Amino acid sequence: MLSRIDGTEPQADVKPWYQYMMVWLVIALPLIVVVASMVTVTIAHQNAPQLVPVSSE
């Protein structure tokens, strides 16, 4: 058991969850992928190729 000479226990640096950069990385990476996929679907939908009619002879 570790204790200090003055009898107090060392306290850990406790911060709110939003002050940890790893949390924002875990949130931001999937969010970036979702936004990029929506942009890709929008571009693909707006620039859809026209169907070529097939004539049956």
PDB file of N, CA and C in Angstrom:
ATOM      1  N   MET A   1       0.843  -1.170   0.000  1.00  0.00           N
ATOM      2  CA  MET A   1       0.000   0.000   0.000  1.00  0.00           C
ATOM      3  C   MET A   1       0.892   1.238   0.000  1.00  0.00           C
ATOM      4  N   LEU A   2       0.608   2.131  -0.896  1.00  0.00           N
ATOM      5  CA  LEU A   2       1.371   3.363  -0.981  1.00  0.00           C
ATOM      6  C   LEU A   2       0.650   4.476  -0.237  1.00  0.00           C
ATOM      7  N   SER A   3       1.387   5.191   0.574  1.00  0.00           N
ATOM      8  CA  SER A   3       0.816   6.373   1.220  1.00  0.00           C
ATOM      9  C   SER A   3       1.907   7.423   1.336  1.00  0.00           C
ATOM     10  N   ARG A   4       1.482   8.619   1.424  1.00  0.00           N
ATOM     11  CA  ARG A   4       2.437   9.718   1.540  1.00  0.00           C
ATOM     12  C   ARG A   4       2.843   9.900   3.002  1.00  0.00           C
ATOM     13  N   ILE A   5       3.898  10.608   3.201  1.00  0.00           N
ATOM     14  CA  ILE A   5       4.401  10.825   4.553  1.00  0.00           C
ATOM     15  C   ILE A   5       3.410  11.632   5.390  1.00  0.00           C
ATOM     16  N   ASP A   6       2.739  12.585   4.757  1.00  0.00           N
ATOM     17  CA  ASP A   6       1.805  13.417   5.520  1.00  0.00           C
ATOM     18  C   ASP A   6       0.451  12.741   5.747  1.00  0.00           C
ATOM     19  N   GLY A   7       0.260  11.525   5.238  1.00  0.00           N
ATOM     20  CA  GLY A   7      -0.959  10.775   5.498  1.00  0.00           C
ATOM     21  C   GLY A   7      -2.059  10.963   4.475  1.00  0.00           C
ATOM     22  N   THR A   8      -1.863  11.838   3.503  1.00  0.00           N
ATOM     23  CA  THR A   8      -2.895  12.040   2.487  1.00  0.00           C
ATOM     24  C   THR A   8      -2.639  11.127   1.302  1.00  0.00           C
ATOM     25  N   GLU A   9      -3.689  10.727   0.672  1.00  0.00           N
ATOM     26  CA  GLU A   9      -3.585   9.886  -0.518  1.00  0.00           C
ATOM     27  C   GLU A   9      -3.410  10.765  -1.752  1.00  0.00           C
ATOM     28  N   PRO A  10      -2.559  10.366  -2.686  1.00  0.00           N
ATOM     29  CA  PRO A  10      -2.438  11.144  -3.930  1.00  0.00           C
ATOM     30  C   PRO A  10      -3.725  11.031  -4.740  1.00  0.00           C
ATOM     31  N   GLN A  11      -4.178  12.145  -5.266  1.00  0.00           N
ATOM     32  CA  GLN A  11      -5.425  12.151  -6.026  1.00  0.00           C
ATOM     33  C   GLN A  11      -5.122  12.158  -7.516  1.00  0.00           C
ATOM     34  N   ALA A  12      -5.893  11.402  -8.238  1.00  0.00           N
ATOM     35  CA  ALA A  12      -5.740  11.348  -9.691  1.00  0.00           C
ATOM     36  C   ALA A  12      -6.356  12.599 -10.310  1.00  0.00           C
ATOM     37  N   ASP A  13      -5.826  12.979 -11.451  1.00  0.00           N
ATOM     38  CA  ASP A  13      -6.362  14.127 -12.179  1.00  0.00           C
ATOM     39  C   ASP A  13      -7.661  13.698 -12.851  1.00  0.00           C
ATOM     40  N   VAL A  14      -8.784  14.117 -12.303  1.00  0.00           N
ATOM     41  CA  VAL A  14     -10.089  13.724 -12.823  1.00  0.00           C
ATOM     42  C   VAL A  14     -10.645  14.888 -13.635  1.00  0.00           C
ATOM     43  N   LYS A  15     -10.857  14.621 -14.930  1.00  0.00           N
ATOM     44  CA  LYS A  15     -11.407  15.635 -15.828  1.00  0.00           C
ATOM     45  C   LYS A  15     -12.728  15.123 -16.377  1.00  0.00           C
ATOM     46  N   PRO A  16     -13.591  16.025 -16.836  1.00  0.00           N
ATOM     47  CA  PRO A  16     -14.820  15.584 -17.501  1.00  0.00           C
ATOM     48  C   PRO A  16     -14.486  14.834 -18.790  1.00  0.00           C
ATOM     49  N   TRP A  17     -15.402  14.006 -19.246  1.00  0.00           N
ATOM     50  CA  TRP A  17     -15.151  13.148 -20.405  1.00  0.00           C
ATOM     51  C   TRP A  17     -14.826  13.947 -21.651  1.00  0.00           C
ATOM     52  N   TYR A  18     -15.407  15.121 -21.818  1.00  0.00           N
ATOM     53  CA  TYR A  18     -15.224  15.892 -23.044  1.00  0.00           C
ATOM     54  C   TYR A  18     -13.863  16.582 -23.114  1.00  0.00           C
ATOM     55  N   GLN A  19     -13.072  16.508 -22.081  1.00  0.00           N
ATOM     56  CA  GLN A  19     -11.746  17.111 -22.112  1.00  0.00           C
ATOM     57  C   GLN A  19     -10.656  16.112 -22.490  1.00  0.00           C
ATOM     58  N   TYR A  20     -11.025  14.881 -22.760  1.00  0.00           N
ATOM     59  CA  TYR A  20     -10.069  13.875 -23.208  1.00  0.00           C
ATOM     60  C   TYR A  20     -10.087  13.822 -24.731  1.00  0.00           C
ATOM     61  N   MET A  21      -8.924  13.957 -25.354  1.00  0.00           N
ATOM     62  CA  MET A  21      -8.838  13.974 -26.815  1.00  0.00           C
ATOM     63  C   MET A  21      -9.219  12.627 -27.433  1.00  0.00           C
ATOM     64  N   MET A  22      -8.975  11.532 -26.741  1.00  0.00           N
ATOM     65  CA  MET A  22      -9.297  10.218 -27.287  1.00  0.00           C
ATOM     66  C   MET A  22     -10.803  10.072 -27.504  1.00  0.00           C
ATOM     67  N   VAL A  23     -11.603  10.661 -26.636  1.00  0.00           N
ATOM     68  CA  VAL A  23     -13.063  10.611 -26.796  1.00  0.00           C
ATOM     69  C   VAL A  23     -13.463  11.298 -28.089  1.00  0.00           C
ATOM     70  N   TRP A  24     -12.894  12.467 -28.360  1.00  0.00           N
ATOM     71  CA  TRP A  24     -13.229  13.198 -29.577  1.00  0.00           C
ATOM     72  C   TRP A  24     -12.742  12.460 -30.811  1.00  0.00           C
ATOM     73  N   LEU A  25     -11.628  11.760 -30.705  1.00  0.00           N
ATOM     74  CA  LEU A  25     -11.143  10.968 -31.829  1.00  0.00           C
ATOM     75  C   LEU A  25     -12.103   9.814 -32.122  1.00  0.00           C
ATOM     76  N   VAL A  26     -12.570   9.157 -31.080  1.00  0.00           N
ATOM     77  CA  VAL A  26     -13.508   8.038 -31.245  1.00  0.00           C
ATOM     78  C   VAL A  26     -14.838   8.526 -31.812  1.00  0.00           C
ATOM     79  N   ILE A  27     -15.267   9.722 -31.459  1.00  0.00           N
ATOM     80  CA  ILE A  27     -16.516  10.275 -31.985  1.00  0.00           C
ATOM     81  C   ILE A  27     -16.326  10.814 -33.396  1.00  0.00           C
ATOM     82  N   ALA A  28     -15.221  11.501 -33.644  1.00  0.00           N
ATOM     83  CA  ALA A  28     -15.027  12.210 -34.909  1.00  0.00           C
ATOM     84  C   ALA A  28     -14.767  11.284 -36.088  1.00  0.00           C
ATOM     85  N   LEU A  29     -13.995  10.229 -35.904  1.00  0.00           N
ATOM     86  CA  LEU A  29     -13.665   9.366 -37.044  1.00  0.00           C
ATOM     87  C   LEU A  29     -14.899   8.717 -37.673  1.00  0.00           C
ATOM     88  N   PRO A  30     -15.784   8.077 -36.913  1.00  0.00           N
ATOM     89  CA  PRO A  30     -16.995   7.544 -37.545  1.00  0.00           C
ATOM     90  C   PRO A  30     -17.897   8.636 -38.117  1.00  0.00           C
ATOM     91  N   LEU A  31     -17.949   9.784 -37.472  1.00  0.00           N
ATOM     92  CA  LEU A  31     -18.770  10.880 -37.973  1.00  0.00           C
ATOM     93  C   LEU A  31     -18.250  11.382 -39.318  1.00  0.00           C
ATOM     94  N   ILE A  32     -16.947  11.474 -39.472  1.00  0.00           N
ATOM     95  CA  ILE A  32     -16.350  11.885 -40.746  1.00  0.00           C
ATOM     96  C   ILE A  32     -16.683  10.878 -41.837  1.00  0.00           C
ATOM     97  N   VAL A  33     -16.650   9.595 -41.508  1.00  0.00           N
ATOM     98  CA  VAL A  33     -16.967   8.555 -42.490  1.00  0.00           C
ATOM     99  C   VAL A  33     -18.429   8.641 -42.910  1.00  0.00           C
ATOM    100  N   VAL A  34     -19.328   8.894 -41.982  1.00  0.00           N
ATOM    101  CA  VAL A  34     -20.753   9.013 -42.312  1.00  0.00           C
ATOM    102  C   VAL A  34     -20.991  10.215 -43.221  1.00  0.00           C
ATOM    103  N   VAL A  35     -20.385  11.346 -42.913  1.00  0.00           N
ATOM    104  CA  VAL A  35     -20.555  12.543 -43.743  1.00  0.00           C
ATOM    105  C   VAL A  35     -19.972  12.312 -45.133  1.00  0.00           C
ATOM    106  N   ALA A  36     -18.803  11.700 -45.207  1.00  0.00           N
ATOM    107  CA  ALA A  36     -18.184  11.432 -46.510  1.00  0.00           C
ATOM    108  C   ALA A  36     -19.029  10.472 -47.339  1.00  0.00           C
ATOM    109  N   SER A  37     -19.647   9.486 -46.709  1.00  0.00           N
ATOM    110  CA  SER A  37     -20.492   8.558 -47.464  1.00  0.00           C
ATOM    111  C   SER A  37     -21.759   9.247 -47.962  1.00  0.00           C
ATOM    112  N   MET A  38     -22.325  10.163 -47.172  1.00  0.00           N
ATOM    113  CA  MET A  38     -23.499  10.903 -47.645  1.00  0.00           C
ATOM    114  C   MET A  38     -23.141  11.808 -48.817  1.00  0.00           C
ATOM    115  N   VAL A  39     -21.971  12.422 -48.776  1.00  0.00           N
ATOM    116  CA  VAL A  39     -21.519  13.241 -49.901  1.00  0.00           C
ATOM    117  C   VAL A  39     -21.325  12.376 -51.133  1.00  0.00           C
ATOM    118  N   THR A  40     -20.748  11.199 -50.966  1.00  0.00           N
ATOM    119  CA  THR A  40     -20.534  10.286 -52.091  1.00  0.00           C
ATOM    120  C   THR A  40     -21.856   9.844 -52.704  1.00  0.00           C
ATOM    121  N   VAL A  41     -22.833   9.505 -51.880  1.00  0.00           N
ATOM    122  CA  VAL A  41     -24.144   9.091 -52.387  1.00  0.00           C
ATOM    123  C   VAL A  41     -24.820  10.249 -53.108  1.00  0.00           C
ATOM    124  N   THR A  42     -24.707  11.455 -52.583  1.00  0.00           N
ATOM    125  CA  THR A  42     -25.299  12.629 -53.233  1.00  0.00           C
ATOM    126  C   THR A  42     -24.674  12.875 -54.597  1.00  0.00           C
ATOM    127  N   ILE A  43     -23.361  12.813 -54.679  1.00  0.00           N
ATOM    128  CA  ILE A  43     -22.674  13.009 -55.961  1.00  0.00           C
ATOM    129  C   ILE A  43     -23.065  11.915 -56.946  1.00  0.00           C
ATOM    130  N   ALA A  44     -23.130  10.684 -56.486  1.00  0.00           N
ATOM    131  CA  ALA A  44     -23.495   9.579 -57.373  1.00  0.00           C
ATOM    132  C   ALA A  44     -24.936   9.714 -57.857  1.00  0.00           C
ATOM    133  N   HIS A  45     -25.829  10.174 -57.002  1.00  0.00           N
ATOM    134  CA  HIS A  45     -27.232  10.324 -57.387  1.00  0.00           C
ATOM    135  C   HIS A  45     -27.417  11.476 -58.377  1.00  0.00           C
ATOM    136  N   GLN A  46     -26.711  12.566 -58.177  1.00  0.00           N
ATOM    137  CA  GLN A  46     -26.839  13.721 -59.069  1.00  0.00           C
ATOM    138  C   GLN A  46     -26.198  13.466 -60.426  1.00  0.00           C
ATOM    139  N   ASN A  47     -25.201  12.631 -60.493  1.00  0.00           N
ATOM    140  CA  ASN A  47     -24.490  12.366 -61.739  1.00  0.00           C
ATOM    141  C   ASN A  47     -24.728  10.942 -62.236  1.00  0.00           C
ATOM    142  N   ALA A  48     -25.933  10.452 -62.024  1.00  0.00           N
ATOM    143  CA  ALA A  48     -26.250   9.090 -62.441  1.00  0.00           C
ATOM    144  C   ALA A  48     -26.217   8.995 -63.967  1.00  0.00           C
ATOM    145  N   PRO A  49     -25.624   7.948 -64.493  1.00  0.00           N
ATOM    146  CA  PRO A  49     -25.583   7.807 -65.949  1.00  0.00           C
ATOM    147  C   PRO A  49     -26.979   7.502 -66.504  1.00  0.00           C
ATOM    148  N   GLN A  50     -27.219   7.965 -67.715  1.00  0.00           N
ATOM    149  CA  GLN A  50     -28.492   7.698 -68.370  1.00  0.00           C
ATOM    150  C   GLN A  50     -28.489   6.266 -68.903  1.00  0.00           C
ATOM    151  N   LEU A  51     -29.639   5.639 -68.836  1.00  0.00           N
ATOM    152  CA  LEU A  51     -29.747   4.283 -69.351  1.00  0.00           C
ATOM    153  C   LEU A  51     -29.788   4.313 -70.875  1.00  0.00           C
ATOM    154  N   VAL A  52     -29.104   3.384 -71.473  1.00  0.00           N
ATOM    155  CA  VAL A  52     -29.088   3.284 -72.931  1.00  0.00           C
ATOM    156  C   VAL A  52     -30.242   2.372 -73.340  1.00  0.00           C
ATOM    157  N   PRO A  53     -31.151   2.877 -74.179  1.00  0.00           N
ATOM    158  CA  PRO A  53     -32.266   2.018 -74.597  1.00  0.00           C
ATOM    159  C   PRO A  53     -31.761   0.879 -75.490  1.00  0.00           C
ATOM    160  N   VAL A  54     -32.292  -0.291 -75.247  1.00  0.00           N
ATOM    161  CA  VAL A  54     -31.919  -1.460 -76.037  1.00  0.00           C
ATOM    162  C   VAL A  54     -33.043  -1.717 -77.031  1.00  0.00           C
ATOM    163  N   SER A  55     -32.706  -1.698 -78.301  1.00  0.00           N
ATOM    164  CA  SER A  55     -33.728  -1.962 -79.317  1.00  0.00           C
ATOM    165  C   SER A  55     -33.717  -3.449 -79.645  1.00  0.00           C
ATOM    166  N   SER A  56     -34.885  -4.025 -79.608  1.00  0.00           N
ATOM    167  CA  SER A  56     -34.980  -5.451 -79.944  1.00  0.00           C
ATOM    168  C   SER A  56     -35.344  -5.576 -81.419  1.00  0.00           C
ATOM    169  N   GLU A  57     -34.448  -6.105 -82.177  1.00  0.00           N
ATOM    170  CA  GLU A  57     -34.672  -6.222 -83.623  1.00  0.00           C
ATOM    171  C   GLU A  57     -34.958  -7.632 -84.029  1.00  0.00           C
TER     172      GLU A  57
END
